[in-house]
Amino acid sequence: MTVIDHRSLTAEITAILVTNCGLDPAAAARAPAASLEELGMDSLALLELSAVVTDRWQVSIPEQAAQLSIPAVADLVARRADPAGHTENSIVIAAPLELVWSVTNDVAGWPDLFTEYAQAEILDRDGDTVRFRLTMHPDEFGVAWSWVSERTADPVSRQVRARRVETGPFEYMRIHWTYAEEPDGVRMTWVQDFAMQPTAPVDNAGMTERINTNSVVQLAVIKDRIERLARERAGAGDE
């Protein structure tokens, strides 16, 4: 995220208004919840504010900003300066493509494949599309996060498109799974595109870091479990 601290951003917006727009700093200090209009900022002042904000953070300020307080303007800038989240993580699994595909697309079996899910409940199936509820293991506060997702698998192209139906702290979350055969096995790739709600406890940058960290862990677990299964099946076939 371009802007790190909301309090410091509020101070920066205030400084811009004082330096470039003629804001009385004492008036702003006396009435922190007052709108820019109530603080005496006219259309010319808003144009100047917009010009500085656009130059500094590449964010546009709408005309309606006159009805916002300085902290609300700072919140608006923070949200618009935070680029949407995007992650891409992959791993090569030394196992047959059909095995990797079938195991990773068996949503009901995900609690045995991932370490983070306690339950996967299938809600509906329609051809290659499945809607399901995932429930995670309780976190450090004892909260078991749960949401509904939907995924559509294409067994011909070996791709899966998934999205959160119940978005929770996300504005949206979309995941693209791809599978490609390589000399050492099957490369499974997860591409995730998302944006966080303004009220979420983390911003897009923070969630990007979390997803990248967790994806490495889960991909390694999946690799280990599928490769072990492949060895077991190969051994059984030799008997």
C-alpha atoms as a PDB file:
ATOM      1  CA  MET A   1       0.000   0.000   0.000  1.00  0.00           C
ATOM      2  CA  THR A   2       1.303   3.433  -0.902  1.00  0.00           C
ATOM      3  CA  VAL A   3       0.173   4.990   2.367  1.00  0.00           C
ATOM      4  CA  ILE A   4       1.161   3.108   5.485  1.00  0.00           C
ATOM      5  CA  ASP A   5      -0.280   4.926   8.468  1.00  0.00           C
ATOM      6  CA  HIS A   6      -3.764   6.485   8.433  1.00  0.00           C
ATOM      7  CA  ARG A   7      -2.887   8.993  11.158  1.00  0.00           C
ATOM      8  CA  SER A   8       0.140  10.258   9.264  1.00  0.00           C
ATOM      9  CA  LEU A   9      -1.924  10.438   6.073  1.00  0.00           C
ATOM     10  CA  THR A  10      -4.520  12.586   7.855  1.00  0.00           C
ATOM     11  CA  ALA A  11      -1.684  14.882   8.934  1.00  0.00           C
ATOM     12  CA  GLU A  12      -0.396  15.028   5.351  1.00  0.00           C
ATOM     13  CA  ILE A  13      -3.822  15.918   3.963  1.00  0.00           C
ATOM     14  CA  THR A  14      -4.151  18.613   6.634  1.00  0.00           C
ATOM     15  CA  ALA A  15      -0.728  20.015   5.720  1.00  0.00           C
ATOM     16  CA  ILE A  16      -1.692  20.149   2.044  1.00  0.00           C
ATOM     17  CA  LEU A  17      -4.880  22.008   2.890  1.00  0.00           C
ATOM     18  CA  VAL A  18      -2.995  24.484   5.084  1.00  0.00           C
ATOM     19  CA  THR A  19      -0.110  25.067   2.673  1.00  0.00           C
ATOM     20  CA  ASN A  20      -1.917  24.955  -0.663  1.00  0.00           C
ATOM     21  CA  CYS A  21      -5.541  25.732   0.107  1.00  0.00           C
ATOM     22  CA  GLY A  22      -5.492  28.295   2.888  1.00  0.00           C
ATOM     23  CA  LEU A  23      -6.961  26.123   5.636  1.00  0.00           C
ATOM     24  CA  ASP A  24      -6.828  27.611   9.122  1.00  0.00           C
ATOM     25  CA  PRO A  25      -4.980  24.904  11.140  1.00  0.00           C
ATOM     26  CA  ALA A  26      -6.545  26.086  14.385  1.00  0.00           C
ATOM     27  CA  ALA A  27     -10.034  25.669  12.939  1.00  0.00           C
ATOM     28  CA  ALA A  28      -9.186  22.184  11.738  1.00  0.00           C
ATOM     29  CA  ALA A  29      -7.830  21.242  15.169  1.00  0.00           C
ATOM     30  CA  ARG A  30     -10.970  22.551  16.906  1.00  0.00           C
ATOM     31  CA  ALA A  31     -13.349  20.615  14.661  1.00  0.00           C
ATOM     32  CA  PRO A  32     -11.711  17.386  13.408  1.00  0.00           C
ATOM     33  CA  ALA A  33     -15.076  15.982  12.294  1.00  0.00           C
ATOM     34  CA  ALA A  34     -16.050  19.074  10.290  1.00  0.00           C
ATOM     35  CA  SER A  35     -16.395  18.746   6.516  1.00  0.00           C
ATOM     36  CA  LEU A  36     -14.058  20.589   4.183  1.00  0.00           C
ATOM     37  CA  GLU A  37     -16.965  22.824   3.251  1.00  0.00           C
ATOM     38  CA  GLU A  38     -17.597  23.646   6.902  1.00  0.00           C
ATOM     39  CA  LEU A  39     -13.886  24.470   7.235  1.00  0.00           C
ATOM     40  CA  GLY A  40     -14.243  27.046   4.472  1.00  0.00           C
ATOM     41  CA  MET A  41     -12.722  25.087   1.618  1.00  0.00           C
ATOM     42  CA  ASP A  42     -14.332  26.223  -1.653  1.00  0.00           C
ATOM     43  CA  SER A  43     -14.227  24.661  -5.126  1.00  0.00           C
ATOM     44  CA  LEU A  44     -10.849  26.221  -5.943  1.00  0.00           C
ATOM     45  CA  ALA A  45      -9.377  24.793  -2.748  1.00  0.00           C
ATOM     46  CA  LEU A  46     -10.726  21.358  -3.660  1.00  0.00           C
ATOM     47  CA  LEU A  47      -9.196  21.606  -7.119  1.00  0.00           C
ATOM     48  CA  GLU A  48      -5.824  22.403  -5.591  1.00  0.00           C
ATOM     49  CA  LEU A  49      -6.179  19.537  -3.104  1.00  0.00           C
ATOM     50  CA  SER A  50      -7.103  17.178  -5.935  1.00  0.00           C
ATOM     51  CA  ALA A  51      -4.092  18.278  -7.990  1.00  0.00           C
ATOM     52  CA  VAL A  52      -1.639  17.650  -5.142  1.00  0.00           C
ATOM     53  CA  VAL A  53      -3.220  14.302  -4.184  1.00  0.00           C
ATOM     54  CA  THR A  54      -3.194  13.134  -7.797  1.00  0.00           C
ATOM     55  CA  ASP A  55       0.457  14.095  -8.171  1.00  0.00           C
ATOM     56  CA  ARG A  56       1.518  12.507  -4.879  1.00  0.00           C
ATOM     57  CA  TRP A  57      -0.593   9.329  -4.753  1.00  0.00           C
ATOM     58  CA  GLN A  58      -2.126   9.031  -8.252  1.00  0.00           C
ATOM     59  CA  VAL A  59      -5.586   9.218  -6.670  1.00  0.00           C
ATOM     60  CA  SER A  60      -8.436  11.442  -7.851  1.00  0.00           C
ATOM     61  CA  ILE A  61     -10.635  13.337  -5.393  1.00  0.00           C
ATOM     62  CA  PRO A  62     -14.354  13.492  -6.311  1.00  0.00           C
ATOM     63  CA  GLU A  63     -16.358  16.699  -6.138  1.00  0.00           C
ATOM     64  CA  GLN A  64     -18.323  15.256  -3.240  1.00  0.00           C
ATOM     65  CA  ALA A  65     -15.160  15.448  -1.104  1.00  0.00           C
ATOM     66  CA  ALA A  66     -16.364  18.854   0.112  1.00  0.00           C
ATOM     67  CA  GLN A  67     -18.808  16.956   2.331  1.00  0.00           C
ATOM     68  CA  LEU A  68     -16.056  14.824   3.862  1.00  0.00           C
ATOM     69  CA  SER A  69     -13.951  15.494   6.929  1.00  0.00           C
ATOM     70  CA  ILE A  70     -10.158  15.487   6.663  1.00  0.00           C
ATOM     71  CA  PRO A  71      -9.887  11.972   8.197  1.00  0.00           C
ATOM     72  CA  ALA A  72     -12.551  10.773   5.718  1.00  0.00           C
ATOM     73  CA  VAL A  73     -10.564  12.244   2.822  1.00  0.00           C
ATOM     74  CA  ALA A  74      -7.481  10.459   4.170  1.00  0.00           C
ATOM     75  CA  ASP A  75      -9.438   7.202   4.282  1.00  0.00           C
ATOM     76  CA  LEU A  76     -10.588   7.739   0.705  1.00  0.00           C
ATOM     77  CA  VAL A  77      -7.023   8.321  -0.469  1.00  0.00           C
ATOM     78  CA  ALA A  78      -5.747   5.309   1.466  1.00  0.00           C
ATOM     79  CA  ARG A  79      -8.293   2.980  -0.095  1.00  0.00           C
ATOM     80  CA  ARG A  80      -7.758   4.259  -3.633  1.00  0.00           C
ATOM     81  CA  ALA A  81      -3.981   4.235  -3.297  1.00  0.00           C
ATOM     82  CA  ASP A  82      -4.015   0.580  -2.289  1.00  0.00           C
ATOM     83  CA  PRO A  83      -3.740  -1.458  -5.539  1.00  0.00           C
ATOM     84  CA  ALA A  84      -5.805  -4.598  -5.885  1.00  0.00           C
ATOM     85  CA  GLY A  85      -4.168  -7.762  -4.597  1.00  0.00           C
ATOM     86  CA  HIS A  86      -2.563 -10.236  -6.976  1.00  0.00           C
ATOM     87  CA  THR A  87      -0.535 -13.330  -6.143  1.00  0.00           C
ATOM     88  CA  GLU A  88       0.892 -16.194  -8.155  1.00  0.00           C
ATOM     89  CA  ASN A  89       2.379 -19.305  -6.562  1.00  0.00           C
ATOM     90  CA  SER A  90       3.179 -22.709  -8.030  1.00  0.00           C
ATOM     91  CA  ILE A  91       4.850 -26.001  -7.289  1.00  0.00           C
ATOM     92  CA  VAL A  92       5.900 -29.083  -9.276  1.00  0.00           C
ATOM     93  CA  ILE A  93       4.364 -32.324  -8.025  1.00  0.00           C
ATOM     94  CA  ALA A  94       6.103 -35.541  -9.034  1.00  0.00           C
ATOM     95  CA  ALA A  95       2.950 -37.511  -9.780  1.00  0.00           C
ATOM     96  CA  PRO A  96       0.746 -38.335 -12.790  1.00  0.00           C
ATOM     97  CA  LEU A  97      -1.428 -35.479 -14.042  1.00  0.00           C
ATOM     98  CA  GLU A  98      -4.652 -37.434 -13.580  1.00  0.00           C
ATOM     99  CA  LEU A  99      -3.808 -38.099  -9.938  1.00  0.00           C
ATOM    100  CA  VAL A 100      -2.909 -34.472  -9.203  1.00  0.00           C
ATOM    101  CA  TRP A 101      -6.070 -33.286 -10.945  1.00  0.00           C
ATOM    102  CA  SER A 102      -8.429 -35.725  -9.211  1.00  0.00           C
ATOM    103  CA  VAL A 103      -7.031 -35.263  -5.695  1.00  0.00           C
ATOM    104  CA  THR A 104      -6.875 -31.461  -5.772  1.00  0.00           C
ATOM    105  CA  ASN A 105     -10.371 -31.188  -7.269  1.00  0.00           C
ATOM    106  CA  ASP A 106     -11.940 -33.473  -4.690  1.00  0.00           C
ATOM    107  CA  VAL A 107     -13.241 -30.571  -2.602  1.00  0.00           C
ATOM    108  CA  ALA A 108     -14.869 -32.850  -0.025  1.00  0.00           C
ATOM    109  CA  GLY A 109     -11.407 -34.281   0.673  1.00  0.00           C
ATOM    110  CA  TRP A 110      -9.682 -30.936   1.168  1.00  0.00           C
ATOM    111  CA  PRO A 111      -9.539 -31.252   4.981  1.00  0.00           C
ATOM    112  CA  ASP A 112      -7.192 -34.214   4.385  1.00  0.00           C
ATOM    113  CA  LEU A 113      -5.201 -32.347   1.749  1.00  0.00           C
ATOM    114  CA  PHE A 114      -4.794 -28.860   3.246  1.00  0.00           C
ATOM    115  CA  THR A 115      -3.758 -28.238   6.841  1.00  0.00           C
ATOM    116  CA  GLU A 116      -5.925 -25.113   7.232  1.00  0.00           C
ATOM    117  CA  TYR A 117      -9.414 -26.544   6.579  1.00  0.00           C
ATOM    118  CA  ALA A 118     -11.400 -28.346   9.236  1.00  0.00           C
ATOM    119  CA  GLN A 119     -14.433 -29.012   7.046  1.00  0.00           C
ATOM    120  CA  ALA A 120     -15.526 -28.821   3.412  1.00  0.00           C
ATOM    121  CA  GLU A 121     -19.271 -29.163   2.898  1.00  0.00           C
ATOM    122  CA  ILE A 122     -20.600 -29.624  -0.633  1.00  0.00           C
ATOM    123  CA  LEU A 123     -23.730 -27.486  -1.065  1.00  0.00           C
ATOM    124  CA  ASP A 124     -24.521 -27.955  -4.748  1.00  0.00           C
ATOM    125  CA  ARG A 125     -23.177 -29.503  -7.950  1.00  0.00           C
ATOM    126  CA  ASP A 126     -24.033 -28.508 -11.498  1.00  0.00           C
ATOM    127  CA  GLY A 127     -21.888 -30.299 -14.054  1.00  0.00           C
ATOM    128  CA  ASP A 128     -18.280 -29.279 -13.463  1.00  0.00           C
ATOM    129  CA  THR A 129     -19.312 -26.484 -11.064  1.00  0.00           C
ATOM    130  CA  VAL A 130     -19.421 -27.106  -7.338  1.00  0.00           C
ATOM    131  CA  ARG A 131     -20.558 -24.763  -4.577  1.00  0.00           C
ATOM    132  CA  PHE A 132     -19.249 -25.524  -1.106  1.00  0.00           C
ATOM    133  CA  ARG A 133     -18.681 -24.170   2.380  1.00  0.00           C
ATOM    134  CA  LEU A 134     -15.169 -24.161   3.807  1.00  0.00           C
ATOM    135  CA  THR A 135     -14.531 -23.925   7.536  1.00  0.00           C
ATOM    136  CA  MET A 136     -11.032 -23.335   8.849  1.00  0.00           C
ATOM    137  CA  HIS A 137      -9.514 -24.607  12.051  1.00  0.00           C
ATOM    138  CA  PRO A 138      -9.987 -22.093  14.902  1.00  0.00           C
ATOM    139  CA  ASP A 139      -7.437 -19.305  14.932  1.00  0.00           C
ATOM    140  CA  GLU A 140      -5.473 -18.080  17.951  1.00  0.00           C
ATOM    141  CA  PHE A 141      -8.618 -16.315  19.188  1.00  0.00           C
ATOM    142  CA  GLY A 142     -10.790 -19.411  18.853  1.00  0.00           C
ATOM    143  CA  VAL A 143     -12.616 -18.115  15.759  1.00  0.00           C
ATOM    144  CA  ALA A 144     -13.352 -20.693  13.039  1.00  0.00           C
ATOM    145  CA  TRP A 145     -13.669 -18.677   9.820  1.00  0.00           C
ATOM    146  CA  SER A 146     -16.170 -20.023   7.301  1.00  0.00           C
ATOM    147  CA  TRP A 147     -17.400 -18.964   3.860  1.00  0.00           C
ATOM    148  CA  VAL A 148     -19.080 -20.249   0.697  1.00  0.00           C
ATOM    149  CA  SER A 149     -17.075 -20.563  -2.527  1.00  0.00           C
ATOM    150  CA  GLU A 150     -17.767 -21.809  -6.027  1.00  0.00           C
ATOM    151  CA  ARG A 151     -15.395 -23.391  -8.522  1.00  0.00           C
ATOM    152  CA  THR A 152     -15.735 -24.615 -12.094  1.00  0.00           C
ATOM    153  CA  ALA A 153     -13.266 -27.179 -13.365  1.00  0.00           C
ATOM    154  CA  ASP A 154     -12.388 -27.645 -17.044  1.00  0.00           C
ATOM    155  CA  PRO A 155     -10.900 -31.149 -17.378  1.00  0.00           C
ATOM    156  CA  VAL A 156      -9.994 -30.528 -21.040  1.00  0.00           C
ATOM    157  CA  SER A 157      -7.804 -27.449 -20.511  1.00  0.00           C
ATOM    158  CA  ARG A 158      -6.881 -28.519 -16.952  1.00  0.00           C
ATOM    159  CA  GLN A 159      -7.923 -25.196 -15.470  1.00  0.00           C
ATOM    160  CA  VAL A 160     -10.207 -24.223 -12.602  1.00  0.00           C
ATOM    161  CA  ARG A 161     -11.905 -20.868 -12.018  1.00  0.00           C
ATOM    162  CA  ALA A 162     -13.035 -20.209  -8.468  1.00  0.00           C
ATOM    163  CA  ARG A 163     -14.511 -17.332  -6.505  1.00  0.00           C
ATOM    164  CA  ARG A 164     -15.779 -16.547  -3.047  1.00  0.00           C
ATOM    165  CA  VAL A 165     -19.572 -16.270  -2.946  1.00  0.00           C
ATOM    166  CA  GLU A 166     -19.589 -15.076   0.657  1.00  0.00           C
ATOM    167  CA  THR A 167     -16.790 -12.557   0.420  1.00  0.00           C
ATOM    168  CA  GLY A 168     -16.435 -11.644   4.119  1.00  0.00           C
ATOM    169  CA  PRO A 169     -13.549  -9.169   4.491  1.00  0.00           C
ATOM    170  CA  PHE A 170     -12.950  -9.226   0.719  1.00  0.00           C
ATOM    171  CA  GLU A 171     -14.646  -7.038  -1.855  1.00  0.00           C
ATOM    172  CA  TYR A 172     -13.957  -9.962  -4.179  1.00  0.00           C
ATOM    173  CA  MET A 173     -11.684 -12.986  -4.358  1.00  0.00           C
ATOM    174  CA  ARG A 174     -11.042 -14.921  -7.573  1.00  0.00           C
ATOM    175  CA  ILE A 175      -8.668 -17.869  -7.959  1.00  0.00           C
ATOM    176  CA  HIS A 176      -7.364 -19.443 -11.159  1.00  0.00           C
ATOM    177  CA  TRP A 177      -5.819 -22.919 -10.917  1.00  0.00           C
ATOM    178  CA  THR A 178      -3.741 -24.283 -13.808  1.00  0.00           C
ATOM    179  CA  TYR A 179      -2.020 -27.637 -14.295  1.00  0.00           C
ATOM    180  CA  ALA A 180       0.832 -28.201 -16.750  1.00  0.00           C
ATOM    181  CA  GLU A 181       2.936 -31.309 -17.320  1.00  0.00           C
ATOM    182  CA  GLU A 182       6.695 -30.790 -17.072  1.00  0.00           C
ATOM    183  CA  PRO A 183       9.662 -33.202 -17.186  1.00  0.00           C
ATOM    184  CA  ASP A 184       9.707 -33.493 -13.376  1.00  0.00           C
ATOM    185  CA  GLY A 185       5.965 -33.746 -12.846  1.00  0.00           C
ATOM    186  CA  VAL A 186       2.919 -31.482 -12.851  1.00  0.00           C
ATOM    187  CA  ARG A 187       3.199 -27.771 -12.177  1.00  0.00           C
ATOM    188  CA  MET A 188       0.131 -26.609 -10.289  1.00  0.00           C
ATOM    189  CA  THR A 189      -0.260 -22.820 -10.171  1.00  0.00           C
ATOM    190  CA  TRP A 190      -2.585 -20.647  -8.117  1.00  0.00           C
ATOM    191  CA  VAL A 191      -3.276 -17.095  -9.283  1.00  0.00           C
ATOM    192  CA  GLN A 192      -5.380 -15.053  -6.872  1.00  0.00           C
ATOM    193  CA  ASP A 193      -6.901 -11.636  -7.597  1.00  0.00           C
ATOM    194  CA  PHE A 194      -8.711  -9.816  -4.816  1.00  0.00           C
ATOM    195  CA  ALA A 195      -9.454  -6.582  -3.006  1.00  0.00           C
ATOM    196  CA  MET A 196     -10.158  -6.047   0.683  1.00  0.00           C
ATOM    197  CA  GLN A 197     -13.153  -4.247   2.145  1.00  0.00           C
ATOM    198  CA  PRO A 198     -12.351  -0.816   3.646  1.00  0.00           C
ATOM    199  CA  THR A 199     -13.364  -2.234   7.056  1.00  0.00           C
ATOM    200  CA  ALA A 200     -11.127  -5.313   6.763  1.00  0.00           C
ATOM    201  CA  PRO A 201      -8.423  -5.728   9.417  1.00  0.00           C
ATOM    202  CA  VAL A 202      -5.725  -5.813   6.705  1.00  0.00           C
ATOM    203  CA  ASP A 203      -5.282  -3.930   3.438  1.00  0.00           C
ATOM    204  CA  ASN A 204      -4.540  -5.398   0.009  1.00  0.00           C
ATOM    205  CA  ALA A 205      -0.789  -5.327   0.572  1.00  0.00           C
ATOM    206  CA  GLY A 206      -1.117  -7.040   3.938  1.00  0.00           C
ATOM    207  CA  MET A 207      -3.371  -9.763   2.547  1.00  0.00           C
ATOM    208  CA  THR A 208      -1.018 -10.247  -0.405  1.00  0.00           C
ATOM    209  CA  GLU A 209       1.791 -10.983   2.035  1.00  0.00           C
ATOM    210  CA  ARG A 210      -0.389 -13.378   4.023  1.00  0.00           C
ATOM    211  CA  ILE A 211      -1.531 -15.268   0.929  1.00  0.00           C
ATOM    212  CA  ASN A 212       1.985 -15.558  -0.467  1.00  0.00           C
ATOM    213  CA  THR A 213       3.256 -16.888   2.869  1.00  0.00           C
ATOM    214  CA  ASN A 214       0.416 -19.362   3.345  1.00  0.00           C
ATOM    215  CA  SER A 215       0.380 -20.551  -0.273  1.00  0.00           C
ATOM    216  CA  VAL A 216       4.001 -21.685  -0.032  1.00  0.00           C
ATOM    217  CA  VAL A 217       3.128 -23.742   3.048  1.00  0.00           C
ATOM    218  CA  GLN A 218      -0.030 -25.299   1.606  1.00  0.00           C
ATOM    219  CA  LEU A 219       1.522 -26.090  -1.767  1.00  0.00           C
ATOM    220  CA  ALA A 220       4.375 -27.900  -0.040  1.00  0.00           C
ATOM    221  CA  VAL A 221       1.898 -29.916   2.036  1.00  0.00           C
ATOM    222  CA  ILE A 222      -0.141 -30.824  -1.046  1.00  0.00           C
ATOM    223  CA  LYS A 223       3.011 -31.845  -2.937  1.00  0.00           C
ATOM    224  CA  ASP A 224       4.117 -34.101  -0.101  1.00  0.00           C
ATOM    225  CA  ARG A 225       0.733 -35.777   0.309  1.00  0.00           C
ATOM    226  CA  ILE A 226       0.105 -36.396  -3.388  1.00  0.00           C
ATOM    227  CA  GLU A 227       3.641 -37.660  -4.026  1.00  0.00           C
ATOM    228  CA  ARG A 228       3.285 -40.042  -1.076  1.00  0.00           C
ATOM    229  CA  LEU A 229      -0.029 -41.275  -2.518  1.00  0.00           C
ATOM    230  CA  ALA A 230       1.592 -41.737  -5.934  1.00  0.00           C
ATOM    231  CA  ARG A 231       4.376 -43.850  -4.390  1.00  0.00           C
ATOM    232  CA  GLU A 232       1.837 -45.949  -2.480  1.00  0.00           C
ATOM    233  CA  ARG A 233      -0.164 -46.617  -5.650  1.00  0.00           C
ATOM    234  CA  ALA A 234       2.962 -47.417  -7.626  1.00  0.00           C
ATOM    235  CA  GLY A 235       4.065 -49.846  -4.911  1.00  0.00           C
ATOM    236  CA  ALA A 236       0.680 -51.508  -4.839  1.00  0.00           C
ATOM    237  CA  GLY A 237       0.851 -51.952  -8.601  1.00  0.00           C
ATOM    238  CA  ASP A 238       4.184 -53.754  -8.326  1.00  0.00           C
ATOM    239  CA  GLU A 239       2.772 -56.400  -6.001  1.00  0.00           C
END
